[in-house]
C-alpha atoms as a PDB file:
ATOM      1  CA  MET A   1      30.509  -5.876  42.102  1.00  0.00           C
ATOM      2  CA  GLY A   2      34.256  -5.415  41.713  1.00  0.00           C
ATOM      3  CA  THR A   3      36.487  -7.151  39.386  1.00  0.00           C
ATOM      4  CA  SER A   4      40.197  -6.959  38.460  1.00  0.00           C
ATOM      5  CA  LYS A   5      39.747  -7.479  34.672  1.00  0.00           C
ATOM      6  CA  VAL A   6      37.380  -6.407  31.968  1.00  0.00           C
ATOM      7  CA  GLN A   7      34.655  -8.935  31.763  1.00  0.00           C
ATOM      8  CA  GLY A   8      35.245 -11.442  28.913  1.00  0.00           C
ATOM      9  CA  ALA A   9      38.649 -10.004  28.019  1.00  0.00           C
ATOM     10  CA  ASP A  10      41.530 -12.534  27.815  1.00  0.00           C
ATOM     11  CA  ALA A  11      39.620 -15.100  29.930  1.00  0.00           C
ATOM     12  CA  LEU A  12      41.449 -18.410  30.393  1.00  0.00           C
ATOM     13  CA  ILE A  13      38.431 -20.138  31.914  1.00  0.00           C
ATOM     14  CA  THR A  14      34.780 -19.068  31.571  1.00  0.00           C
ATOM     15  CA  LEU A  15      31.744 -20.643  33.186  1.00  0.00           C
ATOM     16  CA  GLU A  16      28.378 -19.263  32.054  1.00  0.00           C
ATOM     17  CA  ASN A  17      25.121 -20.014  33.817  1.00  0.00           C
ATOM     18  CA  VAL A  18      26.283 -23.447  34.916  1.00  0.00           C
ATOM     19  CA  ALA A  19      24.003 -25.899  36.679  1.00  0.00           C
ATOM     20  CA  THR A  20      24.939 -29.415  37.755  1.00  0.00           C
ATOM     21  CA  GLY A  21      24.586 -31.908  40.601  1.00  0.00           C
ATOM     22  CA  TYR A  22      24.603 -35.530  41.662  1.00  0.00           C
ATOM     23  CA  GLY A  23      21.802 -37.839  40.526  1.00  0.00           C
ATOM     24  CA  ILE A  24      18.607 -35.785  40.940  1.00  0.00           C
ATOM     25  CA  ALA A  25      20.177 -33.500  43.585  1.00  0.00           C
ATOM     26  CA  GLN A  26      21.168 -30.133  42.148  1.00  0.00           C
ATOM     27  CA  ALA A  27      24.376 -28.688  43.676  1.00  0.00           C
ATOM     28  CA  LEU A  28      25.079 -25.533  41.519  1.00  0.00           C
ATOM     29  CA  TRP A  29      22.565 -23.040  40.155  1.00  0.00           C
ATOM     30  CA  ASP A  30      23.293 -20.503  37.335  1.00  0.00           C
ATOM     31  CA  VAL A  31      27.017 -20.172  38.184  1.00  0.00           C
ATOM     32  CA  SER A  32      29.174 -17.809  36.151  1.00  0.00           C
ATOM     33  CA  LEU A  33      32.777 -16.975  36.678  1.00  0.00           C
ATOM     34  CA  GLU A  34      36.003 -16.071  34.868  1.00  0.00           C
ATOM     35  CA  LEU A  35      39.687 -16.835  35.520  1.00  0.00           C
ATOM     36  CA  HIS A  36      42.308 -14.887  33.738  1.00  0.00           C
ATOM     37  CA  HIS A  37      45.953 -15.647  32.852  1.00  0.00           C
ATOM     38  CA  GLY A  38      48.281 -15.290  35.870  1.00  0.00           C
ATOM     39  CA  GLU A  39      45.543 -14.631  38.432  1.00  0.00           C
ATOM     40  CA  ILE A  40      45.192 -16.069  41.904  1.00  0.00           C
ATOM     41  CA  VAL A  41      41.551 -16.365  42.624  1.00  0.00           C
ATOM     42  CA  ALA A  42      39.782 -17.775  45.654  1.00  0.00           C
ATOM     43  CA  LEU A  43      36.368 -19.543  45.957  1.00  0.00           C
ATOM     44  CA  ILE A  44      35.105 -18.990  49.470  1.00  0.00           C
ATOM     45  CA  GLY A  45      32.132 -20.695  51.124  1.00  0.00           C
ATOM     46  CA  SER A  46      31.029 -22.773  54.088  1.00  0.00           C
ATOM     47  CA  ASN A  47      30.768 -26.601  54.142  1.00  0.00           C
ATOM     48  CA  GLY A  48      28.199 -27.849  51.607  1.00  0.00           C
ATOM     49  CA  ALA A  49      28.195 -24.619  49.607  1.00  0.00           C
ATOM     50  CA  GLY A  50      29.293 -26.421  46.447  1.00  0.00           C
ATOM     51  CA  LYS A  51      32.946 -25.482  46.340  1.00  0.00           C
ATOM     52  CA  THR A  52      34.317 -28.974  45.594  1.00  0.00           C
ATOM     53  CA  THR A  53      31.530 -29.465  43.015  1.00  0.00           C
ATOM     54  CA  MET A  54      32.825 -26.392  41.231  1.00  0.00           C
ATOM     55  CA  LEU A  55      36.288 -27.801  40.932  1.00  0.00           C
ATOM     56  CA  ARG A  56      34.858 -31.115  39.735  1.00  0.00           C
ATOM     57  CA  VAL A  57      33.152 -29.224  36.887  1.00  0.00           C
ATOM     58  CA  LEU A  58      36.437 -27.457  35.998  1.00  0.00           C
ATOM     59  CA  SER A  59      38.370 -30.668  35.997  1.00  0.00           C
ATOM     60  CA  GLY A  60      35.780 -32.655  33.984  1.00  0.00           C
ATOM     61  CA  VAL A  61      34.852 -35.018  36.765  1.00  0.00           C
ATOM     62  CA  LEU A  62      31.231 -33.783  36.881  1.00  0.00           C
ATOM     63  CA  PRO A  63      29.269 -33.042  33.753  1.00  0.00           C
ATOM     64  CA  LEU A  64      27.201 -29.841  33.210  1.00  0.00           C
ATOM     65  CA  TRP A  65      23.485 -30.160  33.248  1.00  0.00           C
ATOM     66  CA  SER A  66      23.243 -26.754  31.503  1.00  0.00           C
ATOM     67  CA  GLY A  67      25.375 -23.706  30.807  1.00  0.00           C
ATOM     68  CA  GLU A  68      28.718 -23.310  29.103  1.00  0.00           C
ATOM     69  CA  PHE A  69      32.313 -24.089  29.967  1.00  0.00           C
ATOM     70  CA  LYS A  70      35.030 -22.475  27.781  1.00  0.00           C
ATOM     71  CA  ILE A  71      38.823 -22.430  27.782  1.00  0.00           C
ATOM     72  CA  GLN A  72      40.245 -19.401  25.966  1.00  0.00           C
ATOM     73  CA  GLY A  73      36.901 -18.843  24.334  1.00  0.00           C
ATOM     74  CA  GLN A  74      36.454 -22.315  23.044  1.00  0.00           C
ATOM     75  CA  SER A  75      33.737 -24.647  24.405  1.00  0.00           C
ATOM     76  CA  VAL A  76      35.022 -27.635  26.316  1.00  0.00           C
ATOM     77  CA  LYS A  77      31.568 -28.755  27.550  1.00  0.00           C
ATOM     78  CA  GLY A  78      31.527 -32.520  27.651  1.00  0.00           C
ATOM     79  CA  CYS A  79      35.314 -32.897  27.548  1.00  0.00           C
ATOM     80  CA  THR A  80      36.734 -35.659  29.713  1.00  0.00           C
ATOM     81  CA  THR A  81      39.246 -35.167  32.519  1.00  0.00           C
ATOM     82  CA  PRO A  82      42.180 -36.320  30.285  1.00  0.00           C
ATOM     83  CA  ASP A  83      41.085 -33.844  27.643  1.00  0.00           C
ATOM     84  CA  LEU A  84      41.169 -31.025  30.225  1.00  0.00           C
ATOM     85  CA  VAL A  85      44.488 -32.124  31.607  1.00  0.00           C
ATOM     86  CA  ASP A  86      45.858 -31.911  28.022  1.00  0.00           C
ATOM     87  CA  ARG A  87      44.504 -28.322  27.939  1.00  0.00           C
ATOM     88  CA  GLY A  88      46.459 -27.424  31.026  1.00  0.00           C
ATOM     89  CA  ILE A  89      44.058 -27.923  33.981  1.00  0.00           C
ATOM     90  CA  CYS A  90      45.421 -29.620  37.082  1.00  0.00           C
ATOM     91  CA  HIS A  91      43.241 -30.479  40.123  1.00  0.00           C
ATOM     92  CA  VAL A  92      44.855 -30.994  43.565  1.00  0.00           C
ATOM     93  CA  PRO A  93      41.946 -32.656  45.351  1.00  0.00           C
ATOM     94  CA  GLU A  94      40.860 -32.381  48.903  1.00  0.00           C
ATOM     95  CA  GLY A  95      42.549 -35.148  50.857  1.00  0.00           C
ATOM     96  CA  ARG A  96      45.658 -35.076  48.579  1.00  0.00           C
ATOM     97  CA  GLN A  97      44.881 -38.620  47.132  1.00  0.00           C
ATOM     98  CA  LEU A  98      48.570 -39.612  46.973  1.00  0.00           C
ATOM     99  CA  PHE A  99      49.655 -43.208  46.278  1.00  0.00           C
ATOM    100  CA  PHE A 100      50.604 -44.035  49.799  1.00  0.00           C
ATOM    101  CA  GLY A 101      52.467 -47.220  48.947  1.00  0.00           C
ATOM    102  CA  MET A 102      54.772 -45.345  46.549  1.00  0.00           C
ATOM    103  CA  SER A 103      57.667 -43.116  47.400  1.00  0.00           C
ATOM    104  CA  VAL A 104      57.483 -39.360  47.323  1.00  0.00           C
ATOM    105  CA  GLU A 105      59.551 -39.188  44.147  1.00  0.00           C
ATOM    106  CA  GLU A 106      57.444 -41.870  42.487  1.00  0.00           C
ATOM    107  CA  ASN A 107      54.334 -39.868  43.310  1.00  0.00           C
ATOM    108  CA  LEU A 108      55.864 -36.689  41.841  1.00  0.00           C
ATOM    109  CA  ARG A 109      56.868 -38.441  38.720  1.00  0.00           C
ATOM    110  CA  MET A 110      53.294 -39.738  38.232  1.00  0.00           C
ATOM    111  CA  GLY A 111      52.408 -36.080  37.702  1.00  0.00           C
ATOM    112  CA  ALA A 112      54.428 -36.046  34.465  1.00  0.00           C
ATOM    113  CA  PHE A 113      53.144 -39.382  33.230  1.00  0.00           C
ATOM    114  CA  ALA A 114      51.037 -37.872  30.451  1.00  0.00           C
ATOM    115  CA  LEU A 115      53.705 -35.416  29.187  1.00  0.00           C
ATOM    116  CA  GLN A 116      55.585 -36.063  26.001  1.00  0.00           C
ATOM    117  CA  LYS A 117      58.823 -34.903  27.650  1.00  0.00           C
ATOM    118  CA  SER A 118      62.370 -36.228  27.766  1.00  0.00           C
ATOM    119  CA  SER A 119      63.864 -37.622  30.972  1.00  0.00           C
ATOM    120  CA  ALA A 120      66.053 -34.552  31.225  1.00  0.00           C
ATOM    121  CA  GLU A 121      63.020 -32.208  31.018  1.00  0.00           C
ATOM    122  CA  ILE A 122      61.140 -34.206  33.602  1.00  0.00           C
ATOM    123  CA  ASN A 123      64.199 -34.188  35.888  1.00  0.00           C
ATOM    124  CA  LYS A 124      64.446 -30.478  35.553  1.00  0.00           C
ATOM    125  CA  ASN A 125      60.863 -30.048  36.653  1.00  0.00           C
ATOM    126  CA  LEU A 126      61.516 -32.386  39.534  1.00  0.00           C
ATOM    127  CA  ALA A 127      64.555 -30.349  40.631  1.00  0.00           C
ATOM    128  CA  TRP A 128      62.348 -27.251  40.557  1.00  0.00           C
ATOM    129  CA  VAL A 129      59.663 -28.905  42.776  1.00  0.00           C
ATOM    130  CA  TYR A 130      62.401 -29.961  45.240  1.00  0.00           C
ATOM    131  CA  GLU A 131      63.693 -26.419  45.243  1.00  0.00           C
ATOM    132  CA  LEU A 132      60.221 -25.154  46.038  1.00  0.00           C
ATOM    133  CA  PHE A 133      59.709 -27.772  48.782  1.00  0.00           C
ATOM    134  CA  PRO A 134      63.001 -28.786  50.313  1.00  0.00           C
ATOM    135  CA  GLU A 135      60.954 -30.548  53.008  1.00  0.00           C
ATOM    136  CA  VAL A 136      59.796 -32.894  50.293  1.00  0.00           C
ATOM    137  CA  ALA A 137      63.294 -33.257  48.736  1.00  0.00           C
ATOM    138  CA  ARG A 138      64.555 -34.565  52.116  1.00  0.00           C
ATOM    139  CA  ARG A 139      61.856 -37.292  52.084  1.00  0.00           C
ATOM    140  CA  ARG A 140      62.081 -38.190  48.376  1.00  0.00           C
ATOM    141  CA  ASN A 141      62.659 -41.964  49.129  1.00  0.00           C
ATOM    142  CA  GLN A 142      60.033 -42.248  51.948  1.00  0.00           C
ATOM    143  CA  LEU A 143      56.599 -43.764  51.326  1.00  0.00           C
ATOM    144  CA  ALA A 144      54.094 -40.969  50.806  1.00  0.00           C
ATOM    145  CA  GLY A 145      51.844 -42.575  53.427  1.00  0.00           C
ATOM    146  CA  THR A 146      54.467 -41.881  56.126  1.00  0.00           C
ATOM    147  CA  LEU A 147      54.435 -38.082  55.611  1.00  0.00           C
ATOM    148  CA  SER A 148      52.700 -35.504  57.737  1.00  0.00           C
ATOM    149  CA  GLY A 149      49.592 -33.780  56.339  1.00  0.00           C
ATOM    150  CA  GLY A 150      51.552 -30.708  55.411  1.00  0.00           C
ATOM    151  CA  GLU A 151      54.131 -32.699  53.596  1.00  0.00           C
ATOM    152  CA  GLN A 152      51.479 -34.589  51.787  1.00  0.00           C
ATOM    153  CA  GLN A 153      49.897 -31.398  50.625  1.00  0.00           C
ATOM    154  CA  MET A 154      53.295 -30.250  49.364  1.00  0.00           C
ATOM    155  CA  VAL A 155      53.701 -33.454  47.464  1.00  0.00           C
ATOM    156  CA  ALA A 156      50.167 -33.157  45.986  1.00  0.00           C
ATOM    157  CA  ILE A 157      50.841 -29.618  44.736  1.00  0.00           C
ATOM    158  CA  GLY A 158      54.329 -30.725  43.435  1.00  0.00           C
ATOM    159  CA  ARG A 159      52.752 -33.651  41.619  1.00  0.00           C
ATOM    160  CA  GLY A 160      50.320 -31.247  39.904  1.00  0.00           C
ATOM    161  CA  LEU A 161      53.226 -28.926  38.902  1.00  0.00           C
ATOM    162  CA  MET A 162      55.048 -31.829  37.297  1.00  0.00           C
ATOM    163  CA  GLY A 163      52.344 -31.828  34.650  1.00  0.00           C
ATOM    164  CA  GLU A 164      53.253 -28.289  33.578  1.00  0.00           C
ATOM    165  CA  PRO A 165      49.661 -26.948  33.973  1.00  0.00           C
ATOM    166  CA  ALA A 166      48.366 -23.580  32.951  1.00  0.00           C
ATOM    167  CA  ILE A 167      45.879 -23.546  35.823  1.00  0.00           C
ATOM    168  CA  LEU A 168      46.138 -25.142  39.236  1.00  0.00           C
ATOM    169  CA  LEU A 169      42.928 -25.971  41.056  1.00  0.00           C
ATOM    170  CA  ILE A 170      43.525 -26.504  44.789  1.00  0.00           C
ATOM    171  CA  ASP A 171      40.709 -27.828  47.039  1.00  0.00           C
ATOM    172  CA  GLU A 172      40.805 -26.929  50.736  1.00  0.00           C
ATOM    173  CA  LEU A 173      44.498 -26.107  50.927  1.00  0.00           C
ATOM    174  CA  SER A 174      44.476 -25.405  54.665  1.00  0.00           C
ATOM    175  CA  LEU A 175      42.180 -28.205  55.857  1.00  0.00           C
ATOM    176  CA  GLY A 176      43.615 -29.916  58.934  1.00  0.00           C
ATOM    177  CA  LEU A 177      46.984 -28.157  58.722  1.00  0.00           C
ATOM    178  CA  ALA A 178      48.723 -26.035  61.334  1.00  0.00           C
ATOM    179  CA  PRO A 179      48.847 -22.277  60.635  1.00  0.00           C
ATOM    180  CA  VAL A 180      52.678 -22.318  60.221  1.00  0.00           C
ATOM    181  CA  ILE A 181      52.366 -25.035  57.593  1.00  0.00           C
ATOM    182  CA  VAL A 182      49.660 -23.170  55.778  1.00  0.00           C
ATOM    183  CA  ASP A 183      51.873 -20.047  55.648  1.00  0.00           C
ATOM    184  CA  ARG A 184      54.723 -22.159  54.299  1.00  0.00           C
ATOM    185  CA  ILE A 185      52.537 -23.501  51.529  1.00  0.00           C
ATOM    186  CA  LEU A 186      51.120 -20.067  50.662  1.00  0.00           C
ATOM    187  CA  GLU A 187      54.699 -18.756  50.429  1.00  0.00           C
ATOM    188  CA  ALA A 188      55.480 -21.551  47.924  1.00  0.00           C
ATOM    189  CA  LEU A 189      52.364 -20.794  45.853  1.00  0.00           C
ATOM    190  CA  GLN A 190      53.447 -17.120  45.561  1.00  0.00           C
ATOM    191  CA  VAL A 191      56.842 -18.293  44.344  1.00  0.00           C
ATOM    192  CA  ILE A 192      55.158 -20.612  41.821  1.00  0.00           C
ATOM    193  CA  HIS A 193      52.868 -17.820  40.643  1.00  0.00           C
ATOM    194  CA  ARG A 194      55.775 -15.412  40.276  1.00  0.00           C
ATOM    195  CA  GLN A 195      58.128 -17.820  38.466  1.00  0.00           C
ATOM    196  CA  ARG A 196      55.668 -19.565  36.200  1.00  0.00           C
ATOM    197  CA  GLN A 197      52.725 -17.061  35.932  1.00  0.00           C
ATOM    198  CA  LEU A 198      50.247 -19.881  36.685  1.00  0.00           C
ATOM    199  CA  THR A 199      46.623 -19.188  37.121  1.00  0.00           C
ATOM    200  CA  ILE A 200      45.701 -20.523  40.581  1.00  0.00           C
ATOM    201  CA  PHE A 201      42.055 -21.109  41.640  1.00  0.00           C
ATOM    202  CA  MET A 202      41.877 -22.124  45.301  1.00  0.00           C
ATOM    203  CA  VAL A 203      38.827 -23.350  47.178  1.00  0.00           C
ATOM    204  CA  GLU A 204      39.140 -22.368  50.818  1.00  0.00           C
ATOM    205  CA  GLN A 205      36.871 -22.277  53.913  1.00  0.00           C
ATOM    206  CA  ASP A 206      39.258 -19.955  55.787  1.00  0.00           C
ATOM    207  CA  VAL A 207      38.588 -16.470  54.317  1.00  0.00           C
ATOM    208  CA  GLU A 208      41.680 -14.931  55.826  1.00  0.00           C
ATOM    209  CA  VAL A 209      43.929 -17.639  54.280  1.00  0.00           C
ATOM    210  CA  ALA A 210      42.252 -17.219  50.880  1.00  0.00           C
ATOM    211  CA  LEU A 211      42.311 -13.444  50.796  1.00  0.00           C
ATOM    212  CA  SER A 212      45.940 -13.314  52.002  1.00  0.00           C
ATOM    213  CA  ILE A 213      47.064 -14.619  48.629  1.00  0.00           C
ATOM    214  CA  ALA A 214      44.190 -14.143  46.121  1.00  0.00           C
ATOM    215  CA  SER A 215      43.772 -10.849  44.275  1.00  0.00           C
ATOM    216  CA  ARG A 216      40.028 -11.508  44.102  1.00  0.00           C
ATOM    217  CA  ALA A 217      37.443 -14.008  45.175  1.00  0.00           C
ATOM    218  CA  TYR A 218      33.979 -15.409  44.585  1.00  0.00           C
ATOM    219  CA  ILE A 219      31.637 -16.201  47.401  1.00  0.00           C
ATOM    220  CA  LEU A 220      29.472 -19.326  47.022  1.00  0.00           C
ATOM    221  CA  GLU A 221      26.441 -19.884  49.141  1.00  0.00           C
ATOM    222  CA  ASN A 222      23.977 -22.816  48.637  1.00  0.00           C
ATOM    223  CA  GLY A 223      25.278 -23.488  45.115  1.00  0.00           C
ATOM    224  CA  ARG A 224      25.091 -19.902  43.948  1.00  0.00           C
ATOM    225  CA  ILE A 225      27.684 -17.129  43.509  1.00  0.00           C
ATOM    226  CA  VAL A 226      26.445 -14.325  45.738  1.00  0.00           C
ATOM    227  CA  ARG A 227      29.392 -11.960  45.590  1.00  0.00           C
ATOM    228  CA  GLU A 228      32.620 -11.346  43.675  1.00  0.00           C
ATOM    229  CA  GLY A 229      35.261  -8.708  44.254  1.00  0.00           C
ATOM    230  CA  ARG A 230      38.841  -7.822  44.998  1.00  0.00           C
ATOM    231  CA  ASN A 231      40.324  -9.045  48.248  1.00  0.00           C
ATOM    232  CA  GLU A 232      40.399  -5.650  50.007  1.00  0.00           C
ATOM    233  CA  GLN A 233      36.751  -5.044  49.053  1.00  0.00           C
ATOM    234  CA  LEU A 234      35.677  -8.344  50.528  1.00  0.00           C
ATOM    235  CA  MET A 235      37.813  -8.017  53.694  1.00  0.00           C
ATOM    236  CA  ASN A 236      36.251  -4.621  54.375  1.00  0.00           C
ATOM    237  CA  ASP A 237      32.673  -5.791  53.712  1.00  0.00           C
ATOM    238  CA  THR A 238      30.778  -5.816  56.988  1.00  0.00           C
ATOM    239  CA  ALA A 239      28.376  -8.643  56.062  1.00  0.00           C
ATOM    240  CA  ILE A 240      31.282 -10.876  54.929  1.00  0.00           C
ATOM    241  CA  ARG A 241      33.317 -10.059  58.018  1.00  0.00           C
ATOM    242  CA  GLU A 242      30.348 -10.985  60.194  1.00  0.00           C
ATOM    243  CA  ALA A 243      29.454 -14.124  58.228  1.00  0.00           C
ATOM    244  CA  TYR A 244      32.989 -15.597  57.652  1.00  0.00           C
ATOM    245  CA  LEU A 245      35.273 -13.932  60.183  1.00  0.00           C
ATOM    246  CA  GLY A 246      33.002 -13.602  63.194  1.00  0.00           C
ATOM    247  CA  LEU A 247      33.837  -9.885  63.429  1.00  0.00           C
END
């Protein structure tokens, strides 16, 4: 099993033998993973594999039944979502979940709501988001509900960036979007990663999309991690190519 870092060294996020679920229905079994500073990592799996559940654990939406969750070596098991936001975790959910009756700029500013920042600092971050996504800047006064799916995804990512996170969790980035729009968002994520050295953990059903930007990936099947490796290892794995790429 390949990895790009020494196990346990300088881990920003650590999950150890995590199990959780909904009601009495278990969704994750014995899941362990690590995310390191400045990495882009993908979580790949088919519908129902447990990918969204994993992000809900990392963002504090879903409590652990067992196992351990650490940030920089300190246990955060049982911490609430606001606690984890304060520790630098931002979750861009599937479906964007924007405030459709508010303008684009109002949505973006909501991302900085919890920050103890001056108006000048917030405006500086806003200008950076508009520089990343000029498509969004041109629509700053439009209602978010009038945007295309791709534009809504850009606003959702921009809103997350306004909170100055250390780690960005992105659920199903490419879902329902045209390939040209997906490429545009991936390009922006690479700029974000390069300029801010953010750790990005992206859940993605499209393996080619995920491995085009991630340095390594975990593969989740039926609530269990079944493989982890660098992108080139996984792309050249015959079983993975057959299962996920139809090759």
